[in-house]
Amino acid sequence: MTKVFILDANQQPLYPVGISRARLLLSQGKASVFQRYPFTIILKESLSHLNLE
């Protein structure tokens, strides 16, 4: 399973997530693409306001 790197709103690294979870966050507008290689997404809100489950 391929993993996607994820950063919180303060650009602190979080545990990598699977492609399907990353795609869901992007489609819901909760994250945006930060870097294409290696593919990294960044959350738009801090973790205290966001439920990743």
PDB file of N, CA and C in Angstrom:
ATOM      1  N   MET A   1       0.842  -1.174   0.000  1.00  0.00           N
ATOM      2  CA  MET A   1       0.000   0.000   0.000  1.00  0.00           C
ATOM      3  C   MET A   1       0.887   1.237   0.000  1.00  0.00           C
ATOM      4  N   THR A   2       0.614   2.141  -0.895  1.00  0.00           N
ATOM      5  CA  THR A   2       1.374   3.377  -1.002  1.00  0.00           C
ATOM      6  C   THR A   2       0.863   4.383   0.022  1.00  0.00           C
ATOM      7  N   LYS A   3       1.763   5.110   0.616  1.00  0.00           N
ATOM      8  CA  LYS A   3       1.419   6.108   1.623  1.00  0.00           C
ATOM      9  C   LYS A   3       1.626   7.512   1.079  1.00  0.00           C
ATOM     10  N   VAL A   4       0.858   8.439   1.603  1.00  0.00           N
ATOM     11  CA  VAL A   4       0.952   9.848   1.240  1.00  0.00           C
ATOM     12  C   VAL A   4       1.378  10.605   2.486  1.00  0.00           C
ATOM     13  N   PHE A   5       2.381  11.457   2.342  1.00  0.00           N
ATOM     14  CA  PHE A   5       2.823  12.266   3.470  1.00  0.00           C
ATOM     15  C   PHE A   5       1.796  13.353   3.728  1.00  0.00           C
ATOM     16  N   ILE A   6       1.619  13.694   4.997  1.00  0.00           N
ATOM     17  CA  ILE A   6       0.619  14.688   5.373  1.00  0.00           C
ATOM     18  C   ILE A   6       1.220  15.636   6.401  1.00  0.00           C
ATOM     19  N   LEU A   7       0.910  16.913   6.239  1.00  0.00           N
ATOM     20  CA  LEU A   7       1.359  17.958   7.161  1.00  0.00           C
ATOM     21  C   LEU A   7       0.138  18.597   7.791  1.00  0.00           C
ATOM     22  N   ASP A   8       0.269  19.028   9.052  1.00  0.00           N
ATOM     23  CA  ASP A   8      -0.838  19.751   9.656  1.00  0.00           C
ATOM     24  C   ASP A   8      -0.776  21.213   9.221  1.00  0.00           C
ATOM     25  N   ALA A   9      -1.677  22.028   9.719  1.00  0.00           N
ATOM     26  CA  ALA A   9      -1.760  23.430   9.296  1.00  0.00           C
ATOM     27  C   ALA A   9      -0.506  24.222   9.659  1.00  0.00           C
ATOM     28  N   ASN A  10       0.261  23.747  10.638  1.00  0.00           N
ATOM     29  CA  ASN A  10       1.499  24.414  11.054  1.00  0.00           C
ATOM     30  C   ASN A  10       2.725  23.821  10.380  1.00  0.00           C
ATOM     31  N   GLN A  11       2.524  23.041   9.338  1.00  0.00           N
ATOM     32  CA  GLN A  11       3.564  22.373   8.546  1.00  0.00           C
ATOM     33  C   GLN A  11       4.403  21.398   9.376  1.00  0.00           C
ATOM     34  N   GLN A  12       3.794  20.788  10.378  1.00  0.00           N
ATOM     35  CA  GLN A  12       4.432  19.738  11.163  1.00  0.00           C
ATOM     36  C   GLN A  12       4.036  18.394  10.557  1.00  0.00           C
ATOM     37  N   PRO A  13       4.995  17.485  10.367  1.00  0.00           N
ATOM     38  CA  PRO A  13       4.663  16.203   9.739  1.00  0.00           C
ATOM     39  C   PRO A  13       3.801  15.325  10.644  1.00  0.00           C
ATOM     40  N   LEU A  14       2.872  14.626  10.017  1.00  0.00           N
ATOM     41  CA  LEU A  14       2.018  13.665  10.697  1.00  0.00           C
ATOM     42  C   LEU A  14       2.315  12.284  10.139  1.00  0.00           C
ATOM     43  N   TYR A  15       1.706  11.280  10.729  1.00  0.00           N
ATOM     44  CA  TYR A  15       1.897   9.916  10.253  1.00  0.00           C
ATOM     45  C   TYR A  15       1.327   9.787   8.852  1.00  0.00           C
ATOM     46  N   PRO A  16       2.040   9.169   7.908  1.00  0.00           N
ATOM     47  CA  PRO A  16       1.536   9.030   6.532  1.00  0.00           C
ATOM     48  C   PRO A  16       0.195   8.298   6.473  1.00  0.00           C
ATOM     49  N   VAL A  17      -0.629   8.683   5.512  1.00  0.00           N
ATOM     50  CA  VAL A  17      -1.945   8.073   5.346  1.00  0.00           C
ATOM     51  C   VAL A  17      -2.001   7.358   4.000  1.00  0.00           C
ATOM     52  N   GLY A  18      -2.974   6.510   3.836  1.00  0.00           N
ATOM     53  CA  GLY A  18      -3.162   5.793   2.578  1.00  0.00           C
ATOM     54  C   GLY A  18      -3.716   6.704   1.496  1.00  0.00           C
ATOM     55  N   ILE A  19      -3.651   6.231   0.268  1.00  0.00           N
ATOM     56  CA  ILE A  19      -4.104   7.025  -0.872  1.00  0.00           C
ATOM     57  C   ILE A  19      -5.589   7.353  -0.763  1.00  0.00           C
ATOM     58  N   SER A  20      -6.395   6.391  -0.336  1.00  0.00           N
ATOM     59  CA  SER A  20      -7.836   6.628  -0.267  1.00  0.00           C
ATOM     60  C   SER A  20      -8.177   7.692   0.769  1.00  0.00           C
ATOM     61  N   ARG A  21      -7.491   7.696   1.905  1.00  0.00           N
ATOM     62  CA  ARG A  21      -7.727   8.710   2.940  1.00  0.00           C
ATOM     63  C   ARG A  21      -7.308  10.091   2.422  1.00  0.00           C
ATOM     64  N   ALA A  22      -6.178  10.159   1.726  1.00  0.00           N
ATOM     65  CA  ALA A  22      -5.709  11.425   1.166  1.00  0.00           C
ATOM     66  C   ALA A  22      -6.678  11.943   0.114  1.00  0.00           C
ATOM     67  N   ARG A  23      -7.173  11.053  -0.732  1.00  0.00           N
ATOM     68  CA  ARG A  23      -8.131  11.446  -1.770  1.00  0.00           C
ATOM     69  C   ARG A  23      -9.406  11.980  -1.142  1.00  0.00           C
ATOM     70  N   LEU A  24      -9.852  11.359  -0.058  1.00  0.00           N
ATOM     71  CA  LEU A  24     -11.050  11.802   0.643  1.00  0.00           C
ATOM     72  C   LEU A  24     -10.846  13.199   1.238  1.00  0.00           C
ATOM     73  N   LEU A  25      -9.712  13.435   1.880  1.00  0.00           N
ATOM     74  CA  LEU A  25      -9.427  14.749   2.456  1.00  0.00           C
ATOM     75  C   LEU A  25      -9.373  15.830   1.379  1.00  0.00           C
ATOM     76  N   LEU A  26      -8.775  15.494   0.231  1.00  0.00           N
ATOM     77  CA  LEU A  26      -8.686  16.459  -0.859  1.00  0.00           C
ATOM     78  C   LEU A  26     -10.065  16.760  -1.455  1.00  0.00           C
ATOM     79  N   SER A  27     -10.890  15.743  -1.654  1.00  0.00           N
ATOM     80  CA  SER A  27     -12.205  15.951  -2.263  1.00  0.00           C
ATOM     81  C   SER A  27     -13.161  16.692  -1.333  1.00  0.00           C
ATOM     82  N   GLN A  28     -12.987  16.534  -0.022  1.00  0.00           N
ATOM     83  CA  GLN A  28     -13.827  17.239   0.952  1.00  0.00           C
ATOM     84  C   GLN A  28     -13.355  18.668   1.192  1.00  0.00           C
ATOM     85  N   GLY A  29     -12.211  19.034   0.636  1.00  0.00           N
ATOM     86  CA  GLY A  29     -11.698  20.381   0.804  1.00  0.00           C
ATOM     87  C   GLY A  29     -10.988  20.603   2.126  1.00  0.00           C
ATOM     88  N   LYS A  30     -10.671  19.528   2.846  1.00  0.00           N
ATOM     89  CA  LYS A  30      -9.994  19.643   4.128  1.00  0.00           C
ATOM     90  C   LYS A  30      -8.481  19.717   3.990  1.00  0.00           C
ATOM     91  N   ALA A  31      -7.969  19.451   2.792  1.00  0.00           N
ATOM     92  CA  ALA A  31      -6.521  19.462   2.550  1.00  0.00           C
ATOM     93  C   ALA A  31      -6.269  19.946   1.136  1.00  0.00           C
ATOM     94  N   SER A  32      -5.030  20.323   0.888  1.00  0.00           N
ATOM     95  CA  SER A  32      -4.613  20.702  -0.452  1.00  0.00           C
ATOM     96  C   SER A  32      -3.229  20.127  -0.728  1.00  0.00           C
ATOM     97  N   VAL A  33      -2.850  20.101  -1.988  1.00  0.00           N
ATOM     98  CA  VAL A  33      -1.553  19.552  -2.377  1.00  0.00           C
ATOM     99  C   VAL A  33      -0.470  20.541  -1.962  1.00  0.00           C
ATOM    100  N   PHE A  34       0.508  20.058  -1.222  1.00  0.00           N
ATOM    101  CA  PHE A  34       1.622  20.886  -0.761  1.00  0.00           C
ATOM    102  C   PHE A  34       2.820  20.733  -1.687  1.00  0.00           C
ATOM    103  N   GLN A  35       3.074  19.490  -2.093  1.00  0.00           N
ATOM    104  CA  GLN A  35       4.241  19.182  -2.915  1.00  0.00           C
ATOM    105  C   GLN A  35       3.903  17.969  -3.768  1.00  0.00           C
ATOM    106  N   ARG A  36       4.352  17.962  -5.016  1.00  0.00           N
ATOM    107  CA  ARG A  36       4.033  16.846  -5.899  1.00  0.00           C
ATOM    108  C   ARG A  36       5.006  15.682  -5.770  1.00  0.00           C
ATOM    109  N   TYR A  37       6.285  15.949  -5.504  1.00  0.00           N
ATOM    110  CA  TYR A  37       7.237  14.857  -5.345  1.00  0.00           C
ATOM    111  C   TYR A  37       8.150  15.136  -4.170  1.00  0.00           C
ATOM    112  N   PRO A  38       8.161  14.331  -3.146  1.00  0.00           N
ATOM    113  CA  PRO A  38       7.196  13.253  -2.896  1.00  0.00           C
ATOM    114  C   PRO A  38       5.821  13.843  -2.606  1.00  0.00           C
ATOM    115  N   PHE A  39       4.786  13.146  -3.041  1.00  0.00           N
ATOM    116  CA  PHE A  39       3.433  13.688  -2.924  1.00  0.00           C
ATOM    117  C   PHE A  39       3.101  13.932  -1.467  1.00  0.00           C
ATOM    118  N   THR A  40       2.796  15.183  -1.151  1.00  0.00           N
ATOM    119  CA  THR A  40       2.529  15.612   0.217  1.00  0.00           C
ATOM    120  C   THR A  40       1.302  16.508   0.205  1.00  0.00           C
ATOM    121  N   ILE A  41       0.406  16.295   1.172  1.00  0.00           N
ATOM    122  CA  ILE A  41      -0.748  17.171   1.312  1.00  0.00           C
ATOM    123  C   ILE A  41      -0.638  17.912   2.634  1.00  0.00           C
ATOM    124  N   ILE A  42      -1.307  19.049   2.705  1.00  0.00           N
ATOM    125  CA  ILE A  42      -1.302  19.852   3.928  1.00  0.00           C
ATOM    126  C   ILE A  42      -2.748  20.108   4.330  1.00  0.00           C
ATOM    127  N   LEU A  43      -3.033  19.969   5.614  1.00  0.00           N
ATOM    128  CA  LEU A  43      -4.373  20.210   6.127  1.00  0.00           C
ATOM    129  C   LEU A  43      -4.640  21.704   6.173  1.00  0.00           C
ATOM    130  N   LYS A  44      -5.876  22.096   5.932  1.00  0.00           N
ATOM    131  CA  LYS A  44      -6.237  23.507   5.947  1.00  0.00           C
ATOM    132  C   LYS A  44      -6.560  23.998   7.353  1.00  0.00           C
ATOM    133  N   GLU A  45      -6.945  23.087   8.257  1.00  0.00           N
ATOM    134  CA  GLU A  45      -7.274  23.450   9.626  1.00  0.00           C
ATOM    135  C   GLU A  45      -6.398  22.666  10.581  1.00  0.00           C
ATOM    136  N   SER A  46      -6.293  23.147  11.793  1.00  0.00           N
ATOM    137  CA  SER A  46      -5.515  22.418  12.795  1.00  0.00           C
ATOM    138  C   SER A  46      -6.249  21.142  13.198  1.00  0.00           C
ATOM    139  N   LEU A  47      -5.531  20.218  13.787  1.00  0.00           N
ATOM    140  CA  LEU A  47      -6.124  18.928  14.141  1.00  0.00           C
ATOM    141  C   LEU A  47      -7.204  19.035  15.204  1.00  0.00           C
ATOM    142  N   SER A  48      -7.166  20.053  16.039  1.00  0.00           N
ATOM    143  CA  SER A  48      -8.184  20.191  17.082  1.00  0.00           C
ATOM    144  C   SER A  48      -9.559  20.490  16.486  1.00  0.00           C
ATOM    145  N   HIS A  49      -9.605  21.049  15.266  1.00  0.00           N
ATOM    146  CA  HIS A  49     -10.879  21.367  14.617  1.00  0.00           C
ATOM    147  C   HIS A  49     -11.282  20.346  13.563  1.00  0.00           C
ATOM    148  N   LEU A  50     -10.404  19.400  13.291  1.00  0.00           N
ATOM    149  CA  LEU A  50     -10.628  18.480  12.179  1.00  0.00           C
ATOM    150  C   LEU A  50     -10.693  17.042  12.683  1.00  0.00           C
ATOM    151  N   ASN A  51     -11.684  16.289  12.227  1.00  0.00           N
ATOM    152  CA  ASN A  51     -11.814  14.889  12.571  1.00  0.00           C
ATOM    153  C   ASN A  51     -11.399  14.071  11.363  1.00  0.00           C
ATOM    154  N   LEU A  52     -10.287  13.345  11.459  1.00  0.00           N
ATOM    155  CA  LEU A  52      -9.765  12.591  10.318  1.00  0.00           C
ATOM    156  C   LEU A  52     -10.430  11.237  10.128  1.00  0.00           C
ATOM    157  N   GLU A  53     -11.346  10.854  10.979  1.00  0.00           N
ATOM    158  CA  GLU A  53     -11.938   9.526  10.879  1.00  0.00           C
ATOM    159  C   GLU A  53     -13.223   9.501  10.163  1.00  0.00           C
TER     160      GLU A  53
END
